Structure formats: C-alpha cells, structure tokens
Amino acid sequence: MSVLTVKSSTPLCLLQDAGRFGVRHLGVTQGGALDWVSMSWANKLLNNPLDAAVIEVTLGGLTLVALEDCCLALAGADLGAMLDDRPVAPWRSFFLNKGQQLRFTQPVSGARAYLAAPGGFEAADLLGSSATVVREGLGGLDGTGKALAEGDRLACRNRSIALQTLPEHLIPNLADPRPLDVVLGAQIGQFSGLSLFDAFNSDWTLDSRADRMGIRLLGPELVYQGKPMISEGIPLGAIQVPPDGQPIILLNDRQTIGGYPRLGALTPLSLARLAQKLPGSVVRLRAVVQEMAHKEQVHALDQLHRTL
C-alpha cells in the first residue's frame, strides 16, 4: 500500500538499507546507510528487521505527505522535523494521519536522519539490496539508483504499531567528542615517524569536499615513504592518503579498489559517528586493536537486539 508521497526532495534523500555484500568482485560497491546504528534503531522502534529499507535524509529538504494513516519511526540527526506545525523529535515512533505533511527543515544536531516504516519501505531488490548508489545506477524505488524526487510514492506493509520512544540512556550521543577509532594495518609502517605522530596527535577538520564515497580530512601533511602501489581492495572506513598528504576516509559508496597507501580503517561504530558530523567539524584519530573494536560492535548489536 502506498502510504506516502514525496512533495519535495533533494539529491541527498535516498532509500537505503544495510547495503550489498558479496558483490565487490564484480566491481559493485556496498552502499547502504552511512549511520548504520541510527538506521537500526529506527527499524527497532517499529519491530522491523534491523536492515529493513529506510529513508536516509541528509541535511533536510524532504517533505512527505501521508496518503493513508500510518506509523513511522525517526532516528539519527535532529533535522528540525515538523509534522504539520508540530515538531517531531528523533528516537521515537509517531502517527501520521492522511493528508498530514512531514517536513525536514535543516540540521539542529547531526547530519543524517533515518525514517522507517512498518516492515521497511518497499523497493526493487538488486543484488540482494535496495540500497541507492547513484554513481552505479543501482537501488532506490525502481532499481535505477535515483534519489527520491517529487511525485514518488512510498509503500510499506501498513500495520498496527504501538508507539515507542528509545530510552534516554540508549540514545547515541551525536556530538560525542571522543576520537574516531582506527584499526591499524595496510601501509602503516611506510609513513614517516613524524607523520604517524601527527596522524594520531593532531586535530583534523572535515572538508566540505565530502559525499557518500568519502570525506577528506584537512590537517598536517602525511608523508608516505614506501614504494608505488598496485591497486588493491578497499575496505569500508579505509583511510587513504593521496600525494597531497591529506587523508580521505572512504565510506559506503567507495570504489572497490584503490592504489593510495592507507593508515588503516575506522571501526564500524566510529564510521556511524563520523556520518553525523557536519563539514567543518574537528575530529581526532585513535589507534585501537581489532579485538577492542569487535567487542564494542558486539555490545552495540547486543543493545539493539535486547531492548524495546
């Protein structure tokens, strides 16, 4: 059943799920929600599978009109959502009556909000996912990789849902000032000693040159001293260092291979935190061992499965 229609949108409002896996050998990237934690909580509030398709709203600019009475859930950034003239805070589910409008205006805190519907929004399944990757022309409502646009209709299995609010102690802190955790690896030993010191003891500013493929960091110049590389596979969160010495953190829509040296890769939880930071934000990097990163991710998933 079509429950919503798009009144206005931007190229940054996309249908996403957990992404595509097992297809990178075909040159197809992962895609999926940049803040997987917020996406999962939005689905949890409706008792959906945690990876069900949601709308990722970046920076606002989306207006939806209810075609039928329905229940939705919102998590992630506070983008000044308004239900007609009433504010809608994130981290809760809520009802829309037929004819009501839901508008996302502009960031109050965070960068990306996630809107879930009962059972997940219905969309074409391509290579195991409906995640929108505009560059590759994959995913989205009709499978062609298009952002949501005026006139699009969104369907879901509209069922009776009890309203829920995420307990305050479980709400992620989108302004968390802690450093972003990096699992070391790849070419870490082939950077100069000063560069390694600077990488983990300096402030880095998020450049405005950022998209779902990657975010450039501005700070001290990192110097690679190793031999030229042959392109190799690129993991999610990889921190590549091009010749200008300014690192690039690669995200869900990254290329599948690359030839720049890498410091390592951000942990999944740090990637979710990074996805909520606006251009101009200042971050720091912290080296961690893989076992610590794994324990933190398991704890986060355990909270998702045990609560509500």
Protein backbone atom coordinates (compact mmCIF):
# COMPACT_ATOMS: atom_id res chain seq x y z
CA MET A 1 0.00 0.00 0.00
CA SER A 2 1.32 3.47 -0.89
CA VAL A 3 1.35 5.42 2.34
CA LEU A 4 3.48 8.47 1.48
CA THR A 5 4.17 10.68 -1.50
CA VAL A 6 7.17 12.95 -1.93
CA LYS A 7 6.23 16.63 -2.15
CA SER A 8 9.80 17.93 -2.30
CA SER A 9 13.25 16.40 -2.01
CA THR A 10 16.98 16.85 -2.67
CA PRO A 11 19.65 14.62 -4.26
CA LEU A 12 20.72 13.72 -0.69
CA CYS A 13 17.45 11.98 0.26
CA LEU A 14 17.95 8.30 -0.54
CA LEU A 15 16.39 4.92 0.09
CA GLN A 16 18.94 2.81 1.97
CA ASP A 17 19.28 -0.46 3.83
CA ALA A 18 22.31 -2.35 5.16
CA GLY A 19 23.91 -2.48 1.70
CA ARG A 20 25.14 -5.09 -0.80
CA PHE A 21 27.57 -7.79 0.20
CA GLY A 22 29.42 -10.46 -1.75
CA VAL A 23 29.49 -8.43 -4.97
CA ARG A 24 32.69 -6.37 -4.81
CA HIS A 25 34.46 -8.88 -7.05
CA LEU A 26 32.02 -7.64 -9.71
CA GLY A 27 33.12 -4.05 -9.17
CA VAL A 28 29.88 -3.24 -7.33
CA THR A 29 30.26 -1.21 -4.15
CA GLN A 30 28.48 -1.79 -0.86
CA GLY A 31 26.19 1.22 -0.49
CA GLY A 32 23.79 1.30 2.45
CA ALA A 33 23.09 3.64 5.37
CA LEU A 34 26.13 5.65 6.46
CA ASP A 35 24.97 5.68 10.08
CA TRP A 36 24.01 2.02 10.47
CA VAL A 37 23.37 2.48 14.20
CA SER A 38 20.65 5.10 13.70
CA MET A 39 19.14 3.11 10.82
CA SER A 40 18.95 0.05 13.08
CA TRP A 41 17.28 1.97 15.91
CA ALA A 42 14.70 3.46 13.53
CA ASN A 43 13.78 -0.06 12.45
CA LYS A 44 13.87 -1.40 16.01
CA LEU A 45 11.27 1.18 17.07
CA LEU A 46 8.84 -0.49 14.63
CA ASN A 47 9.92 -4.07 15.33
CA ASN A 48 11.33 -4.32 11.80
CA PRO A 49 14.37 -6.34 10.76
CA LEU A 50 17.29 -4.07 11.64
CA ASP A 51 18.38 -3.91 7.98
CA ALA A 52 14.96 -3.04 6.50
CA ALA A 53 14.87 -0.25 3.90
CA VAL A 54 14.64 3.28 5.32
CA ILE A 55 14.94 6.84 4.01
CA GLU A 56 18.30 8.48 4.70
CA VAL A 57 17.71 12.24 4.89
CA THR A 58 20.93 14.26 4.74
CA LEU A 59 20.77 17.89 5.95
CA GLY A 60 16.99 18.17 5.43
CA GLY A 61 14.97 19.33 2.44
CA LEU A 62 12.49 16.43 2.34
CA THR A 63 8.71 16.87 2.57
CA LEU A 64 6.36 13.87 2.61
CA VAL A 65 2.56 13.78 2.52
CA ALA A 66 0.60 10.91 4.08
CA LEU A 67 -1.70 9.16 1.63
CA GLU A 68 -3.08 6.93 4.39
CA ASP A 69 -2.97 6.88 8.17
CA CYS A 70 0.38 5.35 9.06
CA CYS A 71 3.03 4.94 11.72
CA LEU A 72 6.69 5.87 11.14
CA ALA A 73 9.83 5.99 13.26
CA LEU A 74 12.62 8.55 13.26
CA ALA A 75 16.21 8.17 14.50
CA GLY A 76 19.54 9.87 13.99
CA ALA A 77 20.04 13.58 13.44
CA ASP A 78 17.59 16.25 14.53
CA LEU A 79 16.86 17.94 11.20
CA GLY A 80 14.06 20.13 12.51
CA ALA A 81 11.33 17.66 11.52
CA MET A 82 7.81 19.08 11.58
CA LEU A 83 4.52 17.20 11.39
CA ASP A 84 2.35 19.99 10.01
CA ASP A 85 3.08 22.66 12.66
CA ARG A 86 4.26 20.30 15.41
CA PRO A 87 7.95 19.43 15.97
CA VAL A 88 8.88 15.74 15.80
CA ALA A 89 11.91 14.72 17.83
CA PRO A 90 14.04 11.76 16.72
CA TRP A 91 14.39 8.41 18.54
CA ARG A 92 10.67 7.63 18.60
CA SER A 93 7.79 6.34 16.51
CA PHE A 94 4.77 8.51 15.72
CA PHE A 95 1.49 8.52 13.81
CA LEU A 96 0.62 10.46 10.65
CA ASN A 97 -2.97 10.96 9.63
CA LYS A 98 -4.00 11.01 5.98
CA GLY A 99 -3.16 14.39 4.47
CA GLN A 100 -0.59 15.42 7.08
CA GLN A 101 2.85 16.64 5.97
CA LEU A 102 6.20 15.64 7.43
CA ARG A 103 8.98 18.17 6.69
CA PHE A 104 12.70 18.01 7.40
CA THR A 105 13.99 21.57 7.51
CA GLN A 106 17.65 21.95 8.49
CA PRO A 107 20.22 20.45 10.89
CA VAL A 108 19.78 21.16 14.60
CA SER A 109 22.18 18.40 15.64
CA GLY A 110 23.79 15.78 13.44
CA ALA A 111 23.70 15.44 9.66
CA ARG A 112 21.61 12.38 8.76
CA ALA A 113 18.14 11.31 9.90
CA TYR A 114 16.62 7.89 9.24
CA LEU A 115 12.90 7.40 8.65
CA ALA A 116 11.49 3.89 8.93
CA ALA A 117 8.09 2.42 8.03
CA PRO A 118 6.43 -0.82 9.19
CA GLY A 119 8.18 -3.75 7.52
CA GLY A 120 10.52 -1.39 5.67
CA PHE A 121 9.83 0.67 2.55
CA GLU A 122 9.17 -1.50 -0.48
CA ALA A 123 11.65 -1.20 -3.35
CA ALA A 124 13.31 -3.23 -6.10
CA ASP A 125 15.84 -5.79 -4.87
CA LEU A 126 19.05 -5.76 -6.90
CA LEU A 127 21.96 -7.99 -5.93
CA GLY A 128 20.38 -8.58 -2.55
CA SER A 129 19.68 -4.97 -1.58
CA SER A 130 17.58 -1.90 -2.37
CA ALA A 131 20.35 0.49 -1.25
CA THR A 132 20.67 3.52 -3.56
CA VAL A 133 24.07 4.07 -5.17
CA VAL A 134 23.60 6.96 -7.59
CA ARG A 135 27.02 6.59 -9.24
CA GLU A 136 26.35 2.98 -10.21
CA GLY A 137 22.68 3.46 -11.05
CA LEU A 138 21.61 0.78 -8.58
CA GLY A 139 18.88 0.60 -5.97
CA GLY A 140 16.19 3.00 -4.92
CA LEU A 141 12.48 2.73 -5.57
CA ASP A 142 12.74 1.45 -9.15
CA GLY A 143 16.24 -0.01 -9.02
CA THR A 144 17.90 2.67 -11.18
CA GLY A 145 19.81 4.42 -8.40
CA LYS A 146 17.80 7.65 -8.30
CA ALA A 147 17.32 9.86 -5.27
CA LEU A 148 13.78 10.44 -4.04
CA ALA A 149 12.01 13.01 -6.20
CA GLU A 150 8.76 14.95 -6.25
CA GLY A 151 5.83 12.67 -7.03
CA ASP A 152 7.47 9.43 -5.87
CA ARG A 153 5.22 7.15 -3.86
CA LEU A 154 6.49 5.11 -0.95
CA ALA A 155 4.82 1.86 0.02
CA CYS A 156 5.06 -0.39 3.06
CA ARG A 157 3.05 -3.02 4.89
CA ASN A 158 0.95 -0.63 6.95
CA ARG A 159 0.12 -2.44 10.18
CA SER A 160 -0.95 -1.51 13.69
CA ILE A 161 2.05 -0.45 15.77
CA ALA A 162 2.35 0.58 19.42
CA LEU A 163 4.24 3.85 19.76
CA GLN A 164 7.69 3.59 21.34
CA THR A 165 10.40 6.00 22.46
CA LEU A 166 14.03 4.98 22.82
CA PRO A 167 15.13 5.20 26.48
CA GLU A 168 17.42 8.17 27.04
CA HIS A 169 20.36 6.04 28.18
CA LEU A 170 20.38 4.23 24.82
CA ILE A 171 20.27 7.33 22.59
CA PRO A 172 23.64 7.74 20.84
CA ASN A 173 25.44 10.99 21.52
CA LEU A 174 25.78 12.51 18.05
CA ALA A 175 28.13 15.16 19.46
CA ASP A 176 30.40 12.55 21.07
CA PRO A 177 33.82 14.26 21.30
CA ARG A 178 35.83 11.04 21.64
CA PRO A 179 38.42 10.31 18.92
CA LEU A 180 37.48 8.12 15.98
CA ASP A 181 38.94 4.64 16.42
CA VAL A 182 41.29 3.32 13.72
CA VAL A 183 42.33 -0.30 13.29
CA LEU A 184 45.91 -0.06 12.02
CA GLY A 185 47.05 -2.00 9.00
CA ALA A 186 47.87 -1.83 5.33
CA GLN A 187 50.84 0.53 4.78
CA ILE A 188 51.01 1.99 8.31
CA GLY A 189 54.73 1.23 8.69
CA GLN A 190 55.68 3.05 5.50
CA PHE A 191 54.77 6.54 6.65
CA SER A 192 57.38 8.80 8.22
CA GLY A 193 57.65 8.76 12.02
CA LEU A 194 56.54 12.40 12.22
CA SER A 195 53.52 11.61 10.05
CA LEU A 196 52.44 8.79 12.36
CA PHE A 197 52.78 11.12 15.35
CA ASP A 198 50.79 13.85 13.59
CA ALA A 199 48.09 11.43 12.41
CA PHE A 200 47.12 10.49 15.97
CA ASN A 201 48.01 13.65 17.87
CA SER A 202 46.52 16.41 15.69
CA ASP A 203 43.12 17.93 15.04
CA TRP A 204 41.59 17.09 11.67
CA THR A 205 38.89 19.26 10.07
CA LEU A 206 36.21 17.67 7.90
CA ASP A 207 36.43 19.25 4.46
CA SER A 208 33.35 20.39 2.56
CA ARG A 209 34.55 18.09 -0.22
CA ALA A 210 32.60 15.13 1.08
CA ASP A 211 29.93 12.75 -0.17
CA ARG A 212 28.81 9.16 0.36
CA MET A 213 32.03 7.98 -1.28
CA GLY A 214 34.42 9.64 1.14
CA ILE A 215 35.31 12.53 3.44
CA ARG A 216 38.58 14.45 3.14
CA LEU A 217 40.41 15.48 6.32
CA LEU A 218 42.36 18.74 6.49
CA GLY A 219 45.38 18.92 8.76
CA PRO A 220 49.12 18.19 8.82
CA GLU A 221 50.64 16.70 5.67
CA LEU A 222 51.27 12.95 5.97
CA VAL A 223 54.31 11.65 4.09
CA TYR A 224 54.34 8.15 2.59
CA GLN A 225 57.86 6.74 2.11
CA GLY A 226 57.07 3.37 0.58
CA LYS A 227 57.19 2.13 -2.98
CA PRO A 228 54.42 2.90 -5.51
CA MET A 229 51.46 0.59 -5.00
CA ILE A 230 49.39 -1.65 -7.21
CA SER A 231 45.65 -1.12 -6.71
CA GLU A 232 44.13 -3.40 -4.10
CA GLY A 233 40.78 -3.97 -2.42
CA ILE A 234 39.43 -1.14 -0.26
CA PRO A 235 37.55 -1.91 2.98
CA LEU A 236 34.82 0.25 4.48
CA GLY A 237 36.34 3.08 6.51
CA ALA A 238 39.76 2.86 4.84
CA ILE A 239 41.92 5.96 5.41
CA GLN A 240 43.71 6.60 2.14
CA VAL A 241 46.49 9.15 1.86
CA PRO A 242 46.86 10.66 -1.66
CA PRO A 243 50.01 12.53 -2.77
CA ASP A 244 48.90 15.82 -1.15
CA GLY A 245 49.15 14.14 2.25
CA GLN A 246 45.55 14.91 3.28
CA PRO A 247 43.73 11.71 4.32
CA ILE A 248 40.42 10.59 2.82
CA ILE A 249 38.10 8.32 4.82
CA LEU A 250 36.25 6.06 2.38
CA LEU A 251 32.57 5.39 3.03
CA ASN A 252 29.84 3.09 1.76
CA ASP A 253 29.82 4.27 -1.88
CA ARG A 254 33.62 3.99 -2.20
CA GLN A 255 35.36 2.44 -5.20
CA THR A 256 36.14 -1.25 -4.80
CA ILE A 257 39.91 -0.95 -5.42
CA GLY A 258 42.49 1.81 -4.95
CA GLY A 259 46.20 2.46 -5.16
CA TYR A 260 46.82 5.05 -2.45
CA PRO A 261 48.57 3.96 0.78
CA ARG A 262 46.39 3.54 3.86
CA LEU A 263 46.84 4.19 7.56
CA GLY A 264 44.19 1.60 8.39
CA ALA A 265 40.40 1.77 8.69
CA LEU A 266 37.82 3.30 11.02
CA THR A 267 35.81 0.90 13.15
CA PRO A 268 32.09 0.48 12.26
CA LEU A 269 30.97 2.43 15.33
CA SER A 270 33.32 5.30 14.55
CA LEU A 271 32.01 5.36 10.98
CA ALA A 272 28.47 5.77 12.28
CA ARG A 273 29.64 8.69 14.45
CA LEU A 274 31.52 10.26 11.54
CA ALA A 275 28.39 10.10 9.37
CA GLN A 276 26.67 12.52 11.76
CA LYS A 277 29.36 15.20 11.67
CA LEU A 278 28.96 18.31 9.52
CA PRO A 279 31.67 19.86 7.30
CA GLY A 280 33.98 21.98 9.44
CA SER A 281 33.74 19.63 12.41
CA VAL A 282 37.03 18.79 14.13
CA VAL A 283 37.93 15.19 14.91
CA ARG A 284 40.88 13.22 16.20
CA LEU A 285 42.03 9.69 15.39
CA ARG A 286 42.95 6.99 17.91
CA ALA A 287 44.69 3.71 17.17
CA VAL A 288 42.95 0.59 18.58
CA VAL A 289 43.41 -3.14 18.25
CA GLN A 290 40.89 -5.13 16.26
CA GLU A 291 39.72 -7.15 19.26
CA MET A 292 38.65 -3.98 21.10
CA ALA A 293 36.76 -2.71 18.06
CA HIS A 294 34.99 -6.07 17.72
CA LYS A 295 33.90 -6.10 21.39
CA GLU A 296 32.42 -2.60 21.11
CA GLN A 297 30.47 -3.53 17.98
CA VAL A 298 29.14 -6.71 19.60
CA HIS A 299 27.99 -4.66 22.61
CA ALA A 300 26.17 -2.18 20.35
CA LEU A 301 24.42 -5.00 18.48
CA ASP A 302 23.50 -6.69 21.77
CA GLN A 303 21.76 -3.50 22.91
CA LEU A 304 19.78 -3.39 19.67
CA HIS A 305 18.61 -6.97 20.00
CA ARG A 306 17.80 -6.92 23.71
CA THR A 307 15.89 -3.64 24.16
CA LEU A 308 12.33 -2.44 23.48
